[in-house]
Amino acid sequence: MSSVVSTAPKMDPEAQSLWHEVAKASDEVAAIVDSIPGLTVTGLETRNELERAAALLQAVTQILRRTERREGARHSKVNRSILGPDPIP
């Protein structure tokens, strides 16, 4: 006779705290960018700052994309095991 053992996803409080920090920083960046009048930005100093910010954000995007792929795949496995097989369309 076989039995089904349910295991809850492991909790990582440190990773969850870091996720909240990233989410908060992302919201702050979005708010700052929204408050910069994009149609009228001008000047060498502004161009330099925006160029540096764009490079940093591209690097952050690559890092978070890797995290999303890994965590998304893990989440899919956990959900499948909890919810059972996917419904037939």
PDB file of N, CA and C in Angstrom:
ATOM      1  N   MET A   1       0.852  -1.174   0.000  1.00  0.00           N
ATOM      2  CA  MET A   1       0.000   0.000   0.000  1.00  0.00           C
ATOM      3  C   MET A   1       0.893   1.231   0.000  1.00  0.00           C
ATOM      4  N   SER A   2       0.566   2.170  -0.862  1.00  0.00           N
ATOM      5  CA  SER A   2       1.361   3.393  -0.918  1.00  0.00           C
ATOM      6  C   SER A   2       0.622   4.509  -0.196  1.00  0.00           C
ATOM      7  N   SER A   3       1.395   5.436   0.306  1.00  0.00           N
ATOM      8  CA  SER A   3       0.781   6.571   0.982  1.00  0.00           C
ATOM      9  C   SER A   3       1.351   7.860   0.412  1.00  0.00           C
ATOM     10  N   VAL A   4       0.569   8.899   0.475  1.00  0.00           N
ATOM     11  CA  VAL A   4       0.976  10.207  -0.025  1.00  0.00           C
ATOM     12  C   VAL A   4       1.434  11.033   1.159  1.00  0.00           C
ATOM     13  N   VAL A   5       2.630  11.584   1.038  1.00  0.00           N
ATOM     14  CA  VAL A   5       3.163  12.428   2.089  1.00  0.00           C
ATOM     15  C   VAL A   5       3.203  13.854   1.566  1.00  0.00           C
ATOM     16  N   SER A   6       2.527  14.739   2.241  1.00  0.00           N
ATOM     17  CA  SER A   6       2.500  16.138   1.835  1.00  0.00           C
ATOM     18  C   SER A   6       3.633  16.881   2.533  1.00  0.00           C
ATOM     19  N   THR A   7       4.406  17.596   1.756  1.00  0.00           N
ATOM     20  CA  THR A   7       5.466  18.405   2.347  1.00  0.00           C
ATOM     21  C   THR A   7       5.240  19.850   1.960  1.00  0.00           C
ATOM     22  N   ALA A   8       5.271  20.709   2.929  1.00  0.00           N
ATOM     23  CA  ALA A   8       5.097  22.139   2.678  1.00  0.00           C
ATOM     24  C   ALA A   8       6.396  22.712   2.126  1.00  0.00           C
ATOM     25  N   PRO A   9       6.298  23.760   1.323  1.00  0.00           N
ATOM     26  CA  PRO A   9       7.523  24.387   0.833  1.00  0.00           C
ATOM     27  C   PRO A   9       8.383  24.867   1.996  1.00  0.00           C
ATOM     28  N   LYS A  10       9.687  24.752   1.829  1.00  0.00           N
ATOM     29  CA  LYS A  10      10.594  25.209   2.876  1.00  0.00           C
ATOM     30  C   LYS A  10      10.578  26.728   2.927  1.00  0.00           C
ATOM     31  N   MET A  11      10.599  27.263   4.125  1.00  0.00           N
ATOM     32  CA  MET A  11      10.602  28.705   4.313  1.00  0.00           C
ATOM     33  C   MET A  11      12.033  29.171   4.516  1.00  0.00           C
ATOM     34  N   ASP A  12      12.373  30.292   3.910  1.00  0.00           N
ATOM     35  CA  ASP A  12      13.695  30.894   4.062  1.00  0.00           C
ATOM     36  C   ASP A  12      13.481  32.355   4.424  1.00  0.00           C
ATOM     37  N   PRO A  13      13.385  32.657   5.718  1.00  0.00           N
ATOM     38  CA  PRO A  13      13.088  34.029   6.151  1.00  0.00           C
ATOM     39  C   PRO A  13      14.084  35.061   5.615  1.00  0.00           C
ATOM     40  N   GLU A  14      15.347  34.692   5.523  1.00  0.00           N
ATOM     41  CA  GLU A  14      16.341  35.648   5.017  1.00  0.00           C
ATOM     42  C   GLU A  14      16.092  35.973   3.549  1.00  0.00           C
ATOM     43  N   ALA A  15      15.822  34.942   2.742  1.00  0.00           N
ATOM     44  CA  ALA A  15      15.529  35.161   1.325  1.00  0.00           C
ATOM     45  C   ALA A  15      14.239  35.967   1.166  1.00  0.00           C
ATOM     46  N   GLN A  16      13.237  35.681   1.987  1.00  0.00           N
ATOM     47  CA  GLN A  16      11.982  36.423   1.905  1.00  0.00           C
ATOM     48  C   GLN A  16      12.192  37.892   2.271  1.00  0.00           C
ATOM     49  N   SER A  17      13.019  38.138   3.275  1.00  0.00           N
ATOM     50  CA  SER A  17      13.333  39.511   3.664  1.00  0.00           C
ATOM     51  C   SER A  17      14.054  40.246   2.534  1.00  0.00           C
ATOM     52  N   LEU A  18      14.991  39.558   1.891  1.00  0.00           N
ATOM     53  CA  LEU A  18      15.698  40.161   0.765  1.00  0.00           C
ATOM     54  C   LEU A  18      14.757  40.423  -0.397  1.00  0.00           C
ATOM     55  N   TRP A  19      13.809  39.511  -0.632  1.00  0.00           N
ATOM     56  CA  TRP A  19      12.823  39.722  -1.692  1.00  0.00           C
ATOM     57  C   TRP A  19      12.035  41.007  -1.420  1.00  0.00           C
ATOM     58  N   HIS A  20      11.645  41.213  -0.150  1.00  0.00           N
ATOM     59  CA  HIS A  20      10.908  42.427   0.200  1.00  0.00           C
ATOM     60  C   HIS A  20      11.765  43.672  -0.021  1.00  0.00           C
ATOM     61  N   GLU A  21      13.057  43.600   0.303  1.00  0.00           N
ATOM     62  CA  GLU A  21      13.959  44.731   0.054  1.00  0.00           C
ATOM     63  C   GLU A  21      14.034  45.059  -1.431  1.00  0.00           C
ATOM     64  N   VAL A  22      14.160  44.019  -2.254  1.00  0.00           N
ATOM     65  CA  VAL A  22      14.228  44.215  -3.702  1.00  0.00           C
ATOM     66  C   VAL A  22      12.920  44.820  -4.211  1.00  0.00           C
ATOM     67  N   ALA A  23      11.798  44.300  -3.756  1.00  0.00           N
ATOM     68  CA  ALA A  23      10.503  44.815  -4.191  1.00  0.00           C
ATOM     69  C   ALA A  23      10.334  46.280  -3.793  1.00  0.00           C
ATOM     70  N   LYS A  24      10.744  46.622  -2.580  1.00  0.00           N
ATOM     71  CA  LYS A  24      10.632  48.008  -2.116  1.00  0.00           C
ATOM     72  C   LYS A  24      11.530  48.921  -2.950  1.00  0.00           C
ATOM     73  N   ALA A  25      12.767  48.492  -3.184  1.00  0.00           N
ATOM     74  CA  ALA A  25      13.690  49.295  -3.991  1.00  0.00           C
ATOM     75  C   ALA A  25      13.148  49.469  -5.410  1.00  0.00           C
ATOM     76  N   SER A  26      12.574  48.410  -5.959  1.00  0.00           N
ATOM     77  CA  SER A  26      11.996  48.476  -7.294  1.00  0.00           C
ATOM     78  C   SER A  26      10.855  49.496  -7.348  1.00  0.00           C
ATOM     79  N   ASP A  27      10.013  49.484  -6.341  1.00  0.00           N
ATOM     80  CA  ASP A  27       8.917  50.452  -6.278  1.00  0.00           C
ATOM     81  C   ASP A  27       9.454  51.878  -6.188  1.00  0.00           C
ATOM     82  N   GLU A  28      10.511  52.071  -5.392  1.00  0.00           N
ATOM     83  CA  GLU A  28      11.106  53.394  -5.249  1.00  0.00           C
ATOM     84  C   GLU A  28      11.698  53.873  -6.571  1.00  0.00           C
ATOM     85  N   VAL A  29      12.398  52.984  -7.275  1.00  0.00           N
ATOM     86  CA  VAL A  29      12.978  53.333  -8.567  1.00  0.00           C
ATOM     87  C   VAL A  29      11.875  53.711  -9.548  1.00  0.00           C
ATOM     88  N   ALA A  30      10.820  52.910  -9.587  1.00  0.00           N
ATOM     89  CA  ALA A  30       9.711  53.196 -10.498  1.00  0.00           C
ATOM     90  C   ALA A  30       9.100  54.565 -10.200  1.00  0.00           C
ATOM     91  N   ALA A  31       8.931  54.894  -8.922  1.00  0.00           N
ATOM     92  CA  ALA A  31       8.354  56.185  -8.542  1.00  0.00           C
ATOM     93  C   ALA A  31       9.275  57.338  -8.955  1.00  0.00           C
ATOM     94  N   ILE A  32      10.582  57.157  -8.771  1.00  0.00           N
ATOM     95  CA  ILE A  32      11.531  58.201  -9.154  1.00  0.00           C
ATOM     96  C   ILE A  32      11.517  58.407 -10.670  1.00  0.00           C
ATOM     97  N   VAL A  33      11.566  57.308 -11.417  1.00  0.00           N
ATOM     98  CA  VAL A  33      11.551  57.411 -12.879  1.00  0.00           C
ATOM     99  C   VAL A  33      10.258  58.082 -13.343  1.00  0.00           C
ATOM    100  N   ASP A  34       9.146  57.727 -12.730  1.00  0.00           N
ATOM    101  CA  ASP A  34       7.868  58.344 -13.093  1.00  0.00           C
ATOM    102  C   ASP A  34       7.859  59.847 -12.847  1.00  0.00           C
ATOM    103  N   SER A  35       8.635  60.311 -11.867  1.00  0.00           N
ATOM    104  CA  SER A  35       8.631  61.744 -11.547  1.00  0.00           C
ATOM    105  C   SER A  35       9.643  62.539 -12.381  1.00  0.00           C
ATOM    106  N   ILE A  36      10.455  61.866 -13.186  1.00  0.00           N
ATOM    107  CA  ILE A  36      11.385  62.561 -14.081  1.00  0.00           C
ATOM    108  C   ILE A  36      10.644  62.839 -15.388  1.00  0.00           C
ATOM    109  N   PRO A  37      10.582  64.110 -15.797  1.00  0.00           N
ATOM    110  CA  PRO A  37       9.863  64.429 -17.033  1.00  0.00           C
ATOM    111  C   PRO A  37      10.645  63.946 -18.259  1.00  0.00           C
ATOM    112  N   GLY A  38      10.347  62.741 -18.699  1.00  0.00           N
ATOM    113  CA  GLY A  38      11.117  62.084 -19.751  1.00  0.00           C
ATOM    114  C   GLY A  38      11.164  62.812 -21.073  1.00  0.00           C
ATOM    115  N   LEU A  39      10.134  63.563 -21.400  1.00  0.00           N
ATOM    116  CA  LEU A  39      10.108  64.251 -22.688  1.00  0.00           C
ATOM    117  C   LEU A  39      10.985  65.493 -22.716  1.00  0.00           C
ATOM    118  N   THR A  40      11.384  65.976 -21.534  1.00  0.00           N
ATOM    119  CA  THR A  40      12.149  67.228 -21.507  1.00  0.00           C
ATOM    120  C   THR A  40      13.504  67.092 -20.816  1.00  0.00           C
ATOM    121  N   VAL A  41      13.957  65.851 -20.542  1.00  0.00           N
ATOM    122  CA  VAL A  41      15.266  65.709 -19.906  1.00  0.00           C
ATOM    123  C   VAL A  41      16.341  66.212 -20.865  1.00  0.00           C
ATOM    124  N   THR A  42      17.363  66.823 -20.303  1.00  0.00           N
ATOM    125  CA  THR A  42      18.422  67.382 -21.139  1.00  0.00           C
ATOM    126  C   THR A  42      19.684  67.558 -20.320  1.00  0.00           C
ATOM    127  N   GLY A  43      20.792  67.657 -20.996  1.00  0.00           N
ATOM    128  CA  GLY A  43      22.048  67.983 -20.336  1.00  0.00           C
ATOM    129  C   GLY A  43      22.979  66.800 -20.197  1.00  0.00           C
ATOM    130  N   LEU A  44      24.261  67.120 -20.206  1.00  0.00           N
ATOM    131  CA  LEU A  44      25.311  66.102 -20.116  1.00  0.00           C
ATOM    132  C   LEU A  44      25.237  65.331 -18.801  1.00  0.00           C
ATOM    133  N   GLU A  45      25.074  66.045 -17.691  1.00  0.00           N
ATOM    134  CA  GLU A  45      25.018  65.378 -16.388  1.00  0.00           C
ATOM    135  C   GLU A  45      23.842  64.408 -16.331  1.00  0.00           C
ATOM    136  N   THR A  46      22.695  64.834 -16.839  1.00  0.00           N
ATOM    137  CA  THR A  46      21.510  63.965 -16.852  1.00  0.00           C
ATOM    138  C   THR A  46      21.749  62.757 -17.743  1.00  0.00           C
ATOM    139  N   ARG A  47      22.315  62.968 -18.933  1.00  0.00           N
ATOM    140  CA  ARG A  47      22.598  61.842 -19.833  1.00  0.00           C
ATOM    141  C   ARG A  47      23.533  60.843 -19.169  1.00  0.00           C
ATOM    142  N   ASN A  48      24.576  61.351 -18.508  1.00  0.00           N
ATOM    143  CA  ASN A  48      25.526  60.458 -17.834  1.00  0.00           C
ATOM    144  C   ASN A  48      24.848  59.649 -16.730  1.00  0.00           C
ATOM    145  N   GLU A  49      24.028  60.316 -15.933  1.00  0.00           N
ATOM    146  CA  GLU A  49      23.331  59.616 -14.851  1.00  0.00           C
ATOM    147  C   GLU A  49      22.356  58.576 -15.395  1.00  0.00           C
ATOM    148  N   LEU A  50      21.615  58.951 -16.436  1.00  0.00           N
ATOM    149  CA  LEU A  50      20.668  58.003 -17.017  1.00  0.00           C
ATOM    150  C   LEU A  50      21.387  56.830 -17.675  1.00  0.00           C
ATOM    151  N   GLU A  51      22.529  57.090 -18.289  1.00  0.00           N
ATOM    152  CA  GLU A  51      23.308  56.010 -18.897  1.00  0.00           C
ATOM    153  C   GLU A  51      23.792  55.031 -17.824  1.00  0.00           C
ATOM    154  N   ARG A  52      24.298  55.573 -16.713  1.00  0.00           N
ATOM    155  CA  ARG A  52      24.747  54.714 -15.612  1.00  0.00           C
ATOM    156  C   ARG A  52      23.584  53.944 -15.009  1.00  0.00           C
ATOM    157  N   ALA A  53      22.463  54.623 -14.817  1.00  0.00           N
ATOM    158  CA  ALA A  53      21.282  53.962 -14.247  1.00  0.00           C
ATOM    159  C   ALA A  53      20.787  52.855 -15.175  1.00  0.00           C
ATOM    160  N   ALA A  54      20.766  53.118 -16.472  1.00  0.00           N
ATOM    161  CA  ALA A  54      20.310  52.105 -17.431  1.00  0.00           C
ATOM    162  C   ALA A  54      21.205  50.872 -17.380  1.00  0.00           C
ATOM    163  N   ALA A  55      22.517  51.083 -17.299  1.00  0.00           N
ATOM    164  CA  ALA A  55      23.451  49.944 -17.236  1.00  0.00           C
ATOM    165  C   ALA A  55      23.236  49.137 -15.958  1.00  0.00           C
ATOM    166  N   LEU A  56      23.060  49.827 -14.843  1.00  0.00           N
ATOM    167  CA  LEU A  56      22.819  49.130 -13.576  1.00  0.00           C
ATOM    168  C   LEU A  56      21.498  48.358 -13.618  1.00  0.00           C
ATOM    169  N   LEU A  57      20.465  48.977 -14.137  1.00  0.00           N
ATOM    170  CA  LEU A  57      19.165  48.311 -14.197  1.00  0.00           C
ATOM    171  C   LEU A  57      19.189  47.119 -15.148  1.00  0.00           C
ATOM    172  N   GLN A  58      19.947  47.203 -16.227  1.00  0.00           N
ATOM    173  CA  GLN A  58      20.085  46.053 -17.122  1.00  0.00           C
ATOM    174  C   GLN A  58      20.774  44.897 -16.397  1.00  0.00           C
ATOM    175  N   ALA A  59      21.799  45.211 -15.599  1.00  0.00           N
ATOM    176  CA  ALA A  59      22.482  44.170 -14.821  1.00  0.00           C
ATOM    177  C   ALA A  59      21.526  43.561 -13.790  1.00  0.00           C
ATOM    178  N   VAL A  60      20.751  44.403 -13.133  1.00  0.00           N
ATOM    179  CA  VAL A  60      19.777  43.926 -12.150  1.00  0.00           C
ATOM    180  C   VAL A  60      18.737  43.038 -12.837  1.00  0.00           C
ATOM    181  N   THR A  61      18.294  43.444 -14.009  1.00  0.00           N
ATOM    182  CA  THR A  61      17.314  42.654 -14.766  1.00  0.00           C
ATOM    183  C   THR A  61      17.851  41.259 -15.051  1.00  0.00           C
ATOM    184  N   GLN A  62      19.109  41.170 -15.454  1.00  0.00           N
ATOM    185  CA  GLN A  62      19.699  39.855 -15.736  1.00  0.00           C
ATOM    186  C   GLN A  62      19.766  38.994 -14.477  1.00  0.00           C
ATOM    187  N   ILE A  63      20.162  39.593 -13.369  1.00  0.00           N
ATOM    188  CA  ILE A  63      20.231  38.850 -12.099  1.00  0.00           C
ATOM    189  C   ILE A  63      18.845  38.342 -11.709  1.00  0.00           C
ATOM    190  N   LEU A  64      17.861  39.234 -11.739  1.00  0.00           N
ATOM    191  CA  LEU A  64      16.510  38.850 -11.316  1.00  0.00           C
ATOM    192  C   LEU A  64      15.861  37.883 -12.289  1.00  0.00           C
ATOM    193  N   ARG A  65      16.219  37.949 -13.563  1.00  0.00           N
ATOM    194  CA  ARG A  65      15.686  36.993 -14.539  1.00  0.00           C
ATOM    195  C   ARG A  65      16.159  35.577 -14.194  1.00  0.00           C
ATOM    196  N   ARG A  66      17.438  35.446 -13.804  1.00  0.00           N
ATOM    197  CA  ARG A  66      17.943  34.134 -13.382  1.00  0.00           C
ATOM    198  C   ARG A  66      17.188  33.645 -12.143  1.00  0.00           C
ATOM    199  N   THR A  67      17.000  34.551 -11.189  1.00  0.00           N
ATOM    200  CA  THR A  67      16.279  34.194  -9.967  1.00  0.00           C
ATOM    201  C   THR A  67      14.850  33.765 -10.296  1.00  0.00           C
ATOM    202  N   GLU A  68      14.196  34.509 -11.177  1.00  0.00           N
ATOM    203  CA  GLU A  68      12.810  34.207 -11.544  1.00  0.00           C
ATOM    204  C   GLU A  68      12.705  32.846 -12.214  1.00  0.00           C
ATOM    205  N   ARG A  69      13.644  32.541 -13.104  1.00  0.00           N
ATOM    206  CA  ARG A  69      13.597  31.231 -13.774  1.00  0.00           C
ATOM    207  C   ARG A  69      13.748  30.098 -12.764  1.00  0.00           C
ATOM    208  N   ARG A  70      14.710  30.246 -11.854  1.00  0.00           N
ATOM    209  CA  ARG A  70      14.948  29.187 -10.868  1.00  0.00           C
ATOM    210  C   ARG A  70      13.764  29.057  -9.905  1.00  0.00           C
ATOM    211  N   GLU A  71      13.323  30.173  -9.349  1.00  0.00           N
ATOM    212  CA  GLU A  71      12.235  30.141  -8.373  1.00  0.00           C
ATOM    213  C   GLU A  71      10.911  29.809  -9.040  1.00  0.00           C
ATOM    214  N   GLY A  72      10.702  30.291 -10.262  1.00  0.00           N
ATOM    215  CA  GLY A  72       9.476  29.971 -10.983  1.00  0.00           C
ATOM    216  C   GLY A  72       9.363  28.483 -11.250  1.00  0.00           C
ATOM    217  N   ALA A  73      10.487  27.872 -11.648  1.00  0.00           N
ATOM    218  CA  ALA A  73      10.485  26.421 -11.892  1.00  0.00           C
ATOM    219  C   ALA A  73      10.224  25.670 -10.591  1.00  0.00           C
ATOM    220  N   ARG A  74      10.835  26.116  -9.510  1.00  0.00           N
ATOM    221  CA  ARG A  74      10.621  25.472  -8.211  1.00  0.00           C
ATOM    222  C   ARG A  74       9.163  25.621  -7.787  1.00  0.00           C
ATOM    223  N   HIS A  75       8.603  26.788  -7.980  1.00  0.00           N
ATOM    224  CA  HIS A  75       7.205  27.050  -7.613  1.00  0.00           C
ATOM    225  C   HIS A  75       6.271  26.154  -8.423  1.00  0.00           C
ATOM    226  N   SER A  76       6.547  25.986  -9.694  1.00  0.00           N
ATOM    227  CA  SER A  76       5.709  25.121 -10.535  1.00  0.00           C
ATOM    228  C   SER A  76       5.715  23.692 -10.024  1.00  0.00           C
ATOM    229  N   LYS A  77       6.897  23.200  -9.638  1.00  0.00           N
ATOM    230  CA  LYS A  77       6.982  21.832  -9.121  1.00  0.00           C
ATOM    231  C   LYS A  77       6.197  21.692  -7.830  1.00  0.00           C
ATOM    232  N   VAL A  78       6.325  22.679  -6.949  1.00  0.00           N
ATOM    233  CA  VAL A  78       5.610  22.627  -5.668  1.00  0.00           C
ATOM    234  C   VAL A  78       4.117  22.663  -5.910  1.00  0.00           C
ATOM    235  N   ASN A  79       3.658  23.568  -6.771  1.00  0.00           N
ATOM    236  CA  ASN A  79       2.226  23.653  -7.040  1.00  0.00           C
ATOM    237  C   ASN A  79       1.696  22.382  -7.671  1.00  0.00           C
ATOM    238  N   ARG A  80       2.462  21.795  -8.595  1.00  0.00           N
ATOM    239  CA  ARG A  80       2.005  20.540  -9.208  1.00  0.00           C
ATOM    240  C   ARG A  80       1.869  19.457  -8.155  1.00  0.00           C
ATOM    241  N   SER A  81       2.840  19.379  -7.249  1.00  0.00           N
ATOM    242  CA  SER A  81       2.793  18.299  -6.272  1.00  0.00           C
ATOM    243  C   SER A  81       1.658  18.519  -5.266  1.00  0.00           C
ATOM    244  N   ILE A  82       1.322  19.764  -4.995  1.00  0.00           N
ATOM    245  CA  ILE A  82       0.249  20.062  -4.046  1.00  0.00           C
ATOM    246  C   ILE A  82      -1.116  19.888  -4.709  1.00  0.00           C
ATOM    247  N   LEU A  83      -1.246  20.387  -5.929  1.00  0.00           N
ATOM    248  CA  LEU A  83      -2.550  20.418  -6.589  1.00  0.00           C
ATOM    249  C   LEU A  83      -2.861  19.170  -7.398  1.00  0.00           C
ATOM    250  N   GLY A  84      -1.885  18.319  -7.576  1.00  0.00           N
ATOM    251  CA  GLY A  84      -2.112  17.136  -8.385  1.00  0.00           C
ATOM    252  C   GLY A  84      -1.862  17.429  -9.844  1.00  0.00           C
ATOM    253  N   PRO A  85      -2.242  16.528 -10.713  1.00  0.00           N
ATOM    254  CA  PRO A  85      -1.956  16.722 -12.127  1.00  0.00           C
ATOM    255  C   PRO A  85      -2.740  17.908 -12.700  1.00  0.00           C
ATOM    256  N   ASP A  86      -2.173  18.518 -13.756  1.00  0.00           N
ATOM    257  CA  ASP A  86      -2.872  19.620 -14.421  1.00  0.00           C
ATOM    258  C   ASP A  86      -4.160  19.105 -15.032  1.00  0.00           C
ATOM    259  N   PRO A  87      -5.209  19.933 -15.007  1.00  0.00           N
ATOM    260  CA  PRO A  87      -6.479  19.507 -15.591  1.00  0.00           C
ATOM    261  C   PRO A  87      -6.349  19.338 -17.115  1.00  0.00           C
ATOM    262  N   ILE A  88      -7.119  18.447 -17.643  1.00  0.00           N
ATOM    263  CA  ILE A  88      -7.123  18.239 -19.101  1.00  0.00           C
ATOM    264  C   ILE A  88      -7.973  19.320 -19.712  1.00  0.00           C
ATOM    265  N   PRO A  89      -7.420  20.049 -20.718  1.00  0.00           N
ATOM    266  CA  PRO A  89      -8.197  21.173 -21.302  1.00  0.00           C
ATOM    267  C   PRO A  89      -9.413  20.698 -22.063  1.00  0.00           C
TER     268      PRO A  89
END
